[in-house]
Amino acid sequence: MLHFPRAALAKELASAIQGKNLFGDAHNGLFLAAPRRTGKSTFLKEDLKPELERQGLVVVYVDLWSDQRRDPGNLISDAVGQTLGTYLGLVARAAKAAGLDSVNVAGTLKIDTSKIGRIDGMTLADALRALCEAAKRPVALVIDEAQHALTSEAGEAVMAALKSARDQLNAPGKVELMLVMSGSDRDKLLRLVNSNSAPFYGSQIQRMPLLGDDFIEHVVKLIEEQRPELRPVDDVVLARAFERFGHRPQFFLAALGDALSPFSGYEGRFEAAVAEAAERRQHDDEAQMESEYLGLKPLERAVLWRLLEQEHRFRPYDADALRFYQEKIGQRVTAQRAQTALESLRQHQPPSVWKSARSEYAVDDAAMHRWYRERSDAGTWPPVDTPA
C-alpha cells in the first residue's frame, strides 16, 4: 500500500518525547489515540521509529495485537528482552575481543533475557537500564494498541513496571527512557491515565492527527504524474470521499485502484466512482452495525445502549443502570442478569464489548460511538426491527 511520509509530525513528536519542548509532558509518556485503519501503526513504524533512530535512540516497538493469543505483558517483556539480547551480544563480543572473561552491564554479570519481567528473572526496570547502558543511548519503547495490556493482570503489572522504570531512569534535564503508547480507542486508552490507580495518572491522551488535505494532495500529484490525461484531478471530490471512508487510507486507495483500473468498466470520471464507493462503504458499515445491534437480545441491546451513552462513566450494575435496563425492556433487571448480558456481549464474534482486568467495560469497536452519536443527533436512535 502507498505510504505517505509524515516527516514533520514525526520530528515534532520525537522532539516532544525527548523533553526538548519548553512546555509539555510528553517526556513522561506520549499517549496517542486514533481510530482503527487510519494509518496510526504505519506512522509509528515507518515514520516515528526511523526518526527516533536517526536522532540516536534505541527503539523497541511492540504491537499488542500482533499475537492476541499471548499475554500482552509477556509481549512487552519479550520485545525488551530481544532488543537487550542483541546489544548484550555486541558487548560480549567486544569484551571477548578485548580479552575480558565477563561482562558487567548495569551491575549484572549474567542476564537471561527470556525471563525479563518474570518472577525468577530481572525486573523490567533493570532490563531497560541494562539496555540503556549496553547501547550507551536512550531508549524509546513504542507500544501499539497499548490498551490491550489492561486485559490481563500481567499486562497491568507491566504497565506499572514501566511507570516505575521511567521514574527510576529519568531525571530533570535527563531523559533516558521514553514511552510512546497508542490506541485505536481513546475511551480504553484513558484507563491508563484517568484515575488515581491508573499507572500513568495525570498524563494526557492526544488525538493523533488524521491524514487530511496534504495526503490528498500527494495522491493527486501521483495520479496526475502517472495519468496526465486525467488532469486536472478533482481534489475536492476525493477529499470528501476520503472523509466518508473515515480517513482510512486502505479503503480509499483500494477504491482509487478499482476506479483507475482499465477493467473497471466505469465510463464517467474516476473521482465519481471513488465517491460512490465511499458512500457504499459508509452505508455497509452502518448497516453492519445496525444488523449486529438488532441481532442482540433485548437486555443485551439495553446494556450496549447504556455503554454507548455513558462511555467511560459506565457503571453496569448501579441503581441508575438497572433502572435504565428495566425501562428499555419492560422487565425487572437484576445485577446478575445484567452481568450475564455483558458476558454474552463479550463472547460475540467479533466481540461487542471489551473488558479490562479491573472489570472496566468499553465498546469493542470505537466506530460504534460515531454511529450512535449520529443517529442520536438525527433522532433515529435506537434502530428498530422492520417487519419482513
Protein backbone atom coordinates (compact mmCIF):
# COMPACT_ATOMS: atom_id res chain seq x y z
CA MET A 1 0.00 0.00 0.00
CA LEU A 2 1.10 3.56 -0.70
CA HIS A 3 2.94 5.09 2.24
CA PHE A 4 2.54 8.81 2.76
CA PRO A 5 5.51 10.00 4.85
CA ARG A 6 4.67 12.33 7.72
CA ALA A 7 8.16 13.58 8.48
CA ALA A 8 7.14 16.86 10.10
CA LEU A 9 4.82 15.14 12.59
CA ALA A 10 7.48 12.52 13.36
CA LYS A 11 10.08 15.20 14.10
CA GLU A 12 7.64 17.14 16.27
CA LEU A 13 6.78 14.09 18.38
CA ALA A 14 10.41 12.94 18.58
CA SER A 15 11.34 16.32 19.99
CA ALA A 16 8.45 16.28 22.45
CA ILE A 17 9.16 12.86 23.96
CA GLN A 18 12.82 13.77 24.48
CA GLY A 19 11.75 16.74 26.58
CA LYS A 20 13.08 19.29 24.11
CA ASN A 21 9.88 21.33 24.07
CA LEU A 22 9.69 24.18 26.57
CA PHE A 23 6.24 23.12 27.74
CA GLY A 24 4.50 19.77 27.60
CA ASP A 25 4.58 16.45 29.38
CA ALA A 26 5.32 14.04 26.52
CA HIS A 27 8.70 13.10 28.03
CA ASN A 28 6.74 11.42 30.83
CA GLY A 29 4.78 9.41 28.30
CA LEU A 30 3.11 10.16 24.98
CA PHE A 31 -0.36 8.66 24.57
CA LEU A 32 -1.84 8.78 21.07
CA ALA A 33 -5.37 7.80 20.09
CA ALA A 34 -6.57 7.29 16.51
CA PRO A 35 -9.35 5.15 15.01
CA ARG A 36 -8.53 1.78 13.51
CA ARG A 37 -7.13 1.66 9.99
CA THR A 38 -6.37 5.39 9.84
CA GLY A 39 -2.60 4.90 9.48
CA LYS A 40 -1.54 5.02 13.13
CA SER A 41 0.59 1.85 13.14
CA THR A 42 2.12 2.71 9.77
CA PHE A 43 3.13 6.11 11.12
CA LEU A 44 4.70 4.61 14.24
CA LYS A 45 6.71 2.03 12.30
CA GLU A 46 7.56 3.92 9.11
CA ASP A 47 7.91 7.49 10.33
CA LEU A 48 8.34 7.87 14.10
CA LYS A 49 10.59 4.84 14.69
CA PRO A 50 13.09 5.77 11.91
CA GLU A 51 13.10 9.40 13.06
CA LEU A 52 13.91 8.41 16.65
CA GLU A 53 16.66 6.11 15.40
CA ARG A 54 18.08 8.91 13.25
CA GLN A 55 18.26 11.01 16.40
CA GLY A 56 20.33 8.34 18.15
CA LEU A 57 17.74 6.47 20.22
CA VAL A 58 17.27 2.73 20.59
CA VAL A 59 13.67 1.99 19.65
CA VAL A 60 11.76 -1.04 20.90
CA TYR A 61 8.47 -1.44 19.04
CA VAL A 62 5.78 -3.92 20.05
CA ASP A 63 2.24 -4.35 18.73
CA LEU A 64 0.00 -5.90 21.38
CA TRP A 65 -2.39 -7.08 18.67
CA SER A 66 0.34 -8.93 16.80
CA ASP A 67 -0.48 -12.14 18.67
CA GLN A 68 -3.68 -11.92 20.69
CA ARG A 69 -3.21 -15.47 21.97
CA ARG A 70 -0.25 -14.34 24.07
CA ASP A 71 -0.42 -12.28 27.23
CA PRO A 72 0.30 -8.62 26.40
CA GLY A 73 2.62 -8.35 29.41
CA ASN A 74 4.81 -11.11 28.00
CA LEU A 75 4.84 -9.48 24.56
CA ILE A 76 6.26 -6.29 26.05
CA SER A 77 8.84 -8.06 28.21
CA ASP A 78 9.93 -10.26 25.30
CA ALA A 79 10.34 -7.27 22.98
CA VAL A 80 12.61 -5.57 25.52
CA GLY A 81 14.48 -8.84 26.09
CA GLN A 82 15.12 -9.43 22.39
CA THR A 83 16.49 -5.92 21.91
CA LEU A 84 18.62 -6.22 25.03
CA GLY A 85 19.91 -9.59 23.85
CA THR A 86 21.11 -8.01 20.62
CA TYR A 87 23.11 -5.36 22.46
CA LEU A 88 24.44 -7.77 25.07
CA GLY A 89 25.74 -9.90 22.25
CA LEU A 90 27.61 -6.92 20.84
CA VAL A 91 29.00 -6.04 24.29
CA ALA A 92 30.06 -9.64 24.93
CA ARG A 93 31.85 -9.91 21.59
CA ALA A 94 33.62 -6.62 22.24
CA ALA A 95 34.65 -7.80 25.72
CA LYS A 96 35.94 -11.09 24.34
CA ALA A 97 37.93 -9.28 21.69
CA ALA A 98 39.44 -7.17 24.46
CA GLY A 99 40.45 -10.30 26.39
CA LEU A 100 37.81 -9.95 29.14
CA ASP A 101 36.17 -13.06 30.64
CA SER A 102 32.95 -11.43 31.91
CA VAL A 103 30.70 -8.51 31.12
CA ASN A 104 29.19 -6.22 33.73
CA VAL A 105 26.09 -4.40 32.50
CA ALA A 106 24.04 -2.41 34.99
CA GLY A 107 25.53 -4.36 37.84
CA THR A 108 24.53 -7.73 36.33
CA LEU A 109 27.09 -10.31 35.23
CA LYS A 110 24.69 -12.70 33.54
CA ILE A 111 21.29 -11.86 32.12
CA ASP A 112 18.70 -14.36 30.92
CA THR A 113 16.72 -12.18 28.54
CA SER A 114 13.98 -14.81 28.22
CA LYS A 115 12.99 -14.23 31.88
CA ILE A 116 12.71 -10.45 31.91
CA GLY A 117 9.68 -9.40 33.92
CA ARG A 118 9.17 -12.95 35.26
CA ILE A 119 9.30 -13.81 38.94
CA ASP A 120 12.63 -15.61 38.55
CA GLY A 121 14.14 -13.05 36.20
CA MET A 122 15.38 -9.47 36.30
CA THR A 123 12.80 -6.69 36.56
CA LEU A 124 11.68 -4.75 33.54
CA ALA A 125 13.22 -1.61 35.03
CA ASP A 126 16.59 -3.37 35.39
CA ALA A 127 16.33 -4.71 31.84
CA LEU A 128 15.66 -1.24 30.44
CA ARG A 129 18.51 0.21 32.49
CA ALA A 130 20.79 -2.55 31.16
CA LEU A 131 19.67 -1.77 27.62
CA CYS A 132 20.48 1.93 28.06
CA GLU A 133 23.91 1.06 29.45
CA ALA A 134 24.70 -1.63 26.87
CA ALA A 135 23.63 0.57 23.96
CA LYS A 136 25.04 3.73 25.55
CA ARG A 137 21.96 5.52 24.22
CA PRO A 138 18.49 6.49 25.46
CA VAL A 139 15.65 4.06 24.80
CA ALA A 140 12.20 4.70 23.35
CA LEU A 141 9.62 2.00 23.97
CA VAL A 142 6.75 2.24 21.47
CA ILE A 143 3.69 0.16 22.37
CA ASP A 144 0.97 -0.05 19.74
CA GLU A 145 -2.59 -0.87 20.88
CA ALA A 146 -1.44 -0.29 24.45
CA GLN A 147 -4.97 -0.52 25.86
CA HIS A 148 -4.81 -4.28 25.26
CA ALA A 149 -2.35 -4.52 28.18
CA LEU A 150 -5.23 -3.76 30.53
CA THR A 151 -6.98 -7.03 29.66
CA SER A 152 -4.66 -9.13 31.85
CA GLU A 153 -3.13 -8.87 35.31
CA ALA A 154 0.34 -9.42 33.82
CA GLY A 155 -0.28 -6.61 31.33
CA GLU A 156 -1.34 -4.25 34.13
CA ALA A 157 1.75 -5.24 36.12
CA VAL A 158 3.98 -4.44 33.15
CA MET A 159 2.39 -1.01 32.79
CA ALA A 160 3.08 -0.32 36.46
CA ALA A 161 6.66 -1.58 35.97
CA LEU A 162 7.13 0.79 33.02
CA LYS A 163 5.98 3.71 35.11
CA SER A 164 8.49 2.69 37.79
CA ALA A 165 11.25 2.29 35.20
CA ARG A 166 10.51 5.74 33.80
CA ASP A 167 10.72 7.29 37.26
CA GLN A 168 13.99 5.49 38.01
CA LEU A 169 15.77 6.23 34.74
CA ASN A 170 14.68 9.80 34.11
CA ALA A 171 15.65 12.94 35.99
CA PRO A 172 15.18 16.68 35.41
CA GLY A 173 17.12 17.53 32.27
CA LYS A 174 17.90 13.87 31.56
CA VAL A 175 15.51 11.57 29.70
CA GLU A 176 16.82 8.01 29.32
CA LEU A 177 13.52 6.18 28.83
CA MET A 178 10.74 7.46 26.58
CA LEU A 179 7.33 5.80 26.38
CA VAL A 180 5.00 6.10 23.41
CA MET A 181 1.65 4.32 23.70
CA SER A 182 -1.00 4.30 21.04
CA GLY A 183 -4.55 3.02 20.94
CA SER A 184 -7.41 2.75 18.48
CA ASP A 185 -9.93 3.64 21.17
CA ARG A 186 -9.49 6.77 23.27
CA ASP A 187 -12.02 5.53 25.84
CA LYS A 188 -9.92 2.43 26.54
CA LEU A 189 -6.60 4.26 26.46
CA LEU A 190 -7.96 6.73 29.04
CA ARG A 191 -7.91 3.94 31.61
CA LEU A 192 -4.12 4.21 31.71
CA VAL A 193 -4.26 7.81 32.86
CA ASN A 194 -7.63 8.88 34.32
CA SER A 195 -7.74 7.59 37.91
CA ASN A 196 -5.53 7.57 40.99
CA SER A 197 -4.93 3.84 40.48
CA ALA A 198 -4.00 4.22 36.79
CA PRO A 199 -0.27 3.64 36.14
CA PHE A 200 0.18 6.94 34.28
CA TYR A 201 -2.30 9.05 36.21
CA GLY A 202 -2.17 12.67 35.17
CA SER A 203 -0.88 12.16 31.63
CA GLN A 204 -2.97 13.37 28.71
CA ILE A 205 -4.38 11.46 25.75
CA GLN A 206 -3.55 13.18 22.48
CA ARG A 207 -5.66 12.66 19.38
CA MET A 208 -3.27 11.75 16.59
CA PRO A 209 -3.92 13.99 13.56
CA LEU A 210 -5.76 12.13 10.82
CA LEU A 211 -4.49 12.11 7.27
CA GLY A 212 -6.01 15.10 5.51
CA ASP A 213 -5.51 17.59 2.70
CA ASP A 214 -1.76 17.01 2.42
CA PHE A 215 -2.41 13.30 1.87
CA ILE A 216 -4.99 14.08 -0.84
CA GLU A 217 -2.53 16.48 -2.50
CA HIS A 218 0.10 13.73 -2.51
CA VAL A 219 -2.31 11.26 -4.10
CA VAL A 220 -3.48 13.79 -6.70
CA LYS A 221 0.11 14.56 -7.65
CA LEU A 222 0.87 10.87 -8.18
CA ILE A 223 -2.23 10.38 -10.32
CA GLU A 224 -1.52 13.39 -12.49
CA GLU A 225 2.10 12.31 -12.98
CA GLN A 226 1.19 8.75 -13.99
CA ARG A 227 -2.05 9.55 -15.82
CA PRO A 228 -1.64 13.03 -17.34
CA GLU A 229 -4.77 12.55 -19.42
CA LEU A 230 -6.82 12.79 -16.20
CA ARG A 231 -5.66 16.31 -15.38
CA PRO A 232 -6.97 18.21 -13.55
CA VAL A 233 -7.96 15.76 -10.84
CA ASP A 234 -10.88 16.95 -8.70
CA ASP A 235 -9.25 17.01 -5.27
CA VAL A 236 -12.42 18.30 -3.59
CA VAL A 237 -14.41 15.21 -4.59
CA LEU A 238 -11.56 12.92 -3.49
CA ALA A 239 -11.24 14.72 -0.15
CA ARG A 240 -14.94 14.29 0.54
CA ALA A 241 -14.74 10.62 -0.42
CA PHE A 242 -11.75 10.12 1.88
CA GLU A 243 -13.73 11.66 4.73
CA ARG A 244 -16.65 9.31 4.06
CA PHE A 245 -14.21 6.42 4.15
CA GLY A 246 -13.47 7.52 7.72
CA HIS A 247 -9.99 8.80 6.77
CA ARG A 248 -8.97 5.16 6.27
CA PRO A 249 -6.30 5.07 3.52
CA GLN A 250 -6.59 1.33 2.86
CA PHE A 251 -10.22 1.55 1.75
CA PHE A 252 -9.69 4.86 -0.08
CA LEU A 253 -6.69 3.61 -2.06
CA ALA A 254 -8.45 0.34 -2.91
CA ALA A 255 -11.38 2.33 -4.32
CA LEU A 256 -8.95 4.51 -6.28
CA GLY A 257 -7.26 1.43 -7.72
CA ASP A 258 -10.58 -0.02 -8.80
CA ALA A 259 -11.75 3.25 -10.36
CA LEU A 260 -8.48 3.75 -12.26
CA SER A 261 -8.29 0.16 -13.48
CA PRO A 262 -8.78 -0.36 -17.24
CA PHE A 263 -11.08 -3.23 -16.30
CA SER A 264 -13.42 -1.11 -14.14
CA GLY A 265 -15.92 -0.57 -16.94
CA TYR A 266 -16.78 2.83 -15.45
CA GLU A 267 -17.49 5.39 -18.17
CA GLY A 268 -17.52 8.63 -16.16
CA ARG A 269 -14.82 10.44 -14.23
CA PHE A 270 -12.94 8.21 -11.82
CA GLU A 271 -13.50 10.66 -8.95
CA ALA A 272 -17.25 10.00 -9.13
CA ALA A 273 -16.60 6.25 -8.94
CA VAL A 274 -14.49 6.75 -5.79
CA ALA A 275 -17.23 8.90 -4.26
CA GLU A 276 -19.82 6.20 -4.98
CA ALA A 277 -17.55 3.55 -3.41
CA ALA A 278 -17.19 5.71 -0.29
CA GLU A 279 -20.95 6.07 0.00
CA ARG A 280 -21.39 2.31 -0.33
CA ARG A 281 -18.71 1.64 2.30
CA GLN A 282 -20.32 4.05 4.77
CA HIS A 283 -23.74 2.53 4.15
CA ASP A 284 -22.39 -1.02 4.50
CA ASP A 285 -20.56 -0.18 7.74
CA GLU A 286 -23.66 1.36 9.27
CA ALA A 287 -25.88 -1.47 8.03
CA GLN A 288 -23.50 -3.99 9.61
CA MET A 289 -23.59 -2.24 12.98
CA GLU A 290 -27.38 -1.97 12.82
CA SER A 291 -27.69 -5.65 11.93
CA GLU A 292 -25.42 -6.66 14.82
CA TYR A 293 -27.38 -4.45 17.24
CA LEU A 294 -30.76 -5.79 16.13
CA GLY A 295 -29.41 -9.33 16.39
CA LEU A 296 -28.94 -8.91 20.15
CA LYS A 297 -31.40 -9.97 22.82
CA PRO A 298 -33.47 -7.12 24.36
CA LEU A 299 -31.39 -6.90 27.55
CA GLU A 300 -28.12 -7.06 25.59
CA ARG A 301 -29.34 -4.15 23.46
CA ALA A 302 -30.18 -2.16 26.58
CA VAL A 303 -26.77 -2.80 28.15
CA LEU A 304 -24.95 -1.86 24.94
CA TRP A 305 -27.12 1.27 24.63
CA ARG A 306 -26.19 2.28 28.17
CA LEU A 307 -22.50 1.70 27.43
CA LEU A 308 -22.65 3.80 24.26
CA GLU A 309 -24.42 6.59 26.13
CA GLN A 310 -22.21 6.62 29.24
CA GLU A 311 -18.81 5.70 27.70
CA HIS A 312 -16.11 5.81 30.43
CA ARG A 313 -18.76 6.73 33.04
CA PHE A 314 -20.46 3.37 32.52
CA ARG A 315 -21.33 1.52 35.73
CA PRO A 316 -23.15 -1.66 34.69
CA TYR A 317 -24.80 -2.58 37.99
CA ASP A 318 -25.63 0.64 39.82
CA ALA A 319 -29.24 1.64 40.53
CA ASP A 320 -29.44 4.07 37.61
CA ALA A 321 -28.18 1.44 35.16
CA LEU A 322 -30.59 -1.24 36.40
CA ARG A 323 -33.44 1.25 36.18
CA PHE A 324 -32.36 2.14 32.60
CA TYR A 325 -32.39 -1.53 31.55
CA GLN A 326 -35.81 -2.04 33.10
CA GLU A 327 -37.24 0.97 31.27
CA LYS A 328 -35.95 -0.30 27.94
CA ILE A 329 -37.13 -3.91 28.18
CA GLY A 330 -40.15 -3.52 30.45
CA GLN A 331 -38.95 -6.10 32.96
CA ARG A 332 -37.15 -6.01 36.28
CA VAL A 333 -33.42 -6.48 35.78
CA THR A 334 -31.08 -7.72 38.49
CA ALA A 335 -27.34 -7.18 38.62
CA GLN A 336 -26.88 -10.89 37.86
CA ARG A 337 -28.97 -10.62 34.68
CA ALA A 338 -27.03 -7.53 33.58
CA GLN A 339 -23.74 -9.34 34.19
CA THR A 340 -24.92 -12.31 32.11
CA ALA A 341 -25.85 -9.95 29.26
CA LEU A 342 -22.44 -8.22 29.46
CA GLU A 343 -20.60 -11.54 29.32
CA SER A 344 -22.70 -12.57 26.34
CA LEU A 345 -21.74 -9.35 24.55
CA ARG A 346 -18.08 -10.14 25.24
CA GLN A 347 -18.42 -13.63 23.79
CA HIS A 348 -19.86 -12.49 20.46
CA GLN A 349 -17.69 -12.92 17.37
CA PRO A 350 -16.48 -10.29 16.87
CA PRO A 351 -16.93 -9.12 20.49
CA SER A 352 -19.30 -6.22 21.10
CA VAL A 353 -17.80 -5.29 24.47
CA TRP A 354 -14.23 -5.06 25.80
CA LYS A 355 -13.33 -5.74 29.43
CA SER A 356 -10.22 -4.77 31.37
CA ALA A 357 -8.62 -6.85 34.11
CA ARG A 358 -10.28 -4.45 36.59
CA SER A 359 -13.74 -5.15 35.17
CA GLU A 360 -13.97 -1.86 33.29
CA TYR A 361 -16.01 -2.00 30.11
CA ALA A 362 -15.95 -0.27 26.73
CA VAL A 363 -17.43 -0.82 23.29
CA ASP A 364 -15.03 -3.05 21.38
CA ASP A 365 -15.33 -1.13 18.10
CA ALA A 366 -14.94 2.61 18.72
CA ALA A 367 -16.68 3.33 15.39
CA MET A 368 -19.95 2.47 17.12
CA HIS A 369 -19.69 5.69 19.13
CA ARG A 370 -19.80 7.79 15.96
CA TRP A 371 -22.70 5.71 14.61
CA TYR A 372 -24.58 6.10 17.90
CA ARG A 373 -23.99 9.87 18.11
CA GLU A 374 -25.03 10.48 14.51
CA ARG A 375 -28.24 8.52 14.94
CA SER A 376 -28.98 10.17 18.28
CA ASP A 377 -28.47 13.64 16.80
CA ALA A 378 -30.71 12.72 13.87
CA GLY A 379 -33.42 11.38 16.17
CA THR A 380 -33.22 7.88 14.67
CA TRP A 381 -31.91 6.04 17.72
CA PRO A 382 -32.49 3.26 18.61
CA PRO A 383 -32.65 1.11 15.48
CA VAL A 384 -35.89 -0.83 15.22
CA ASP A 385 -36.75 -4.11 13.57
CA THR A 386 -38.64 -3.66 10.31
CA PRO A 387 -41.29 -6.29 9.51
CA ALA A 388 -40.29 -8.64 6.72
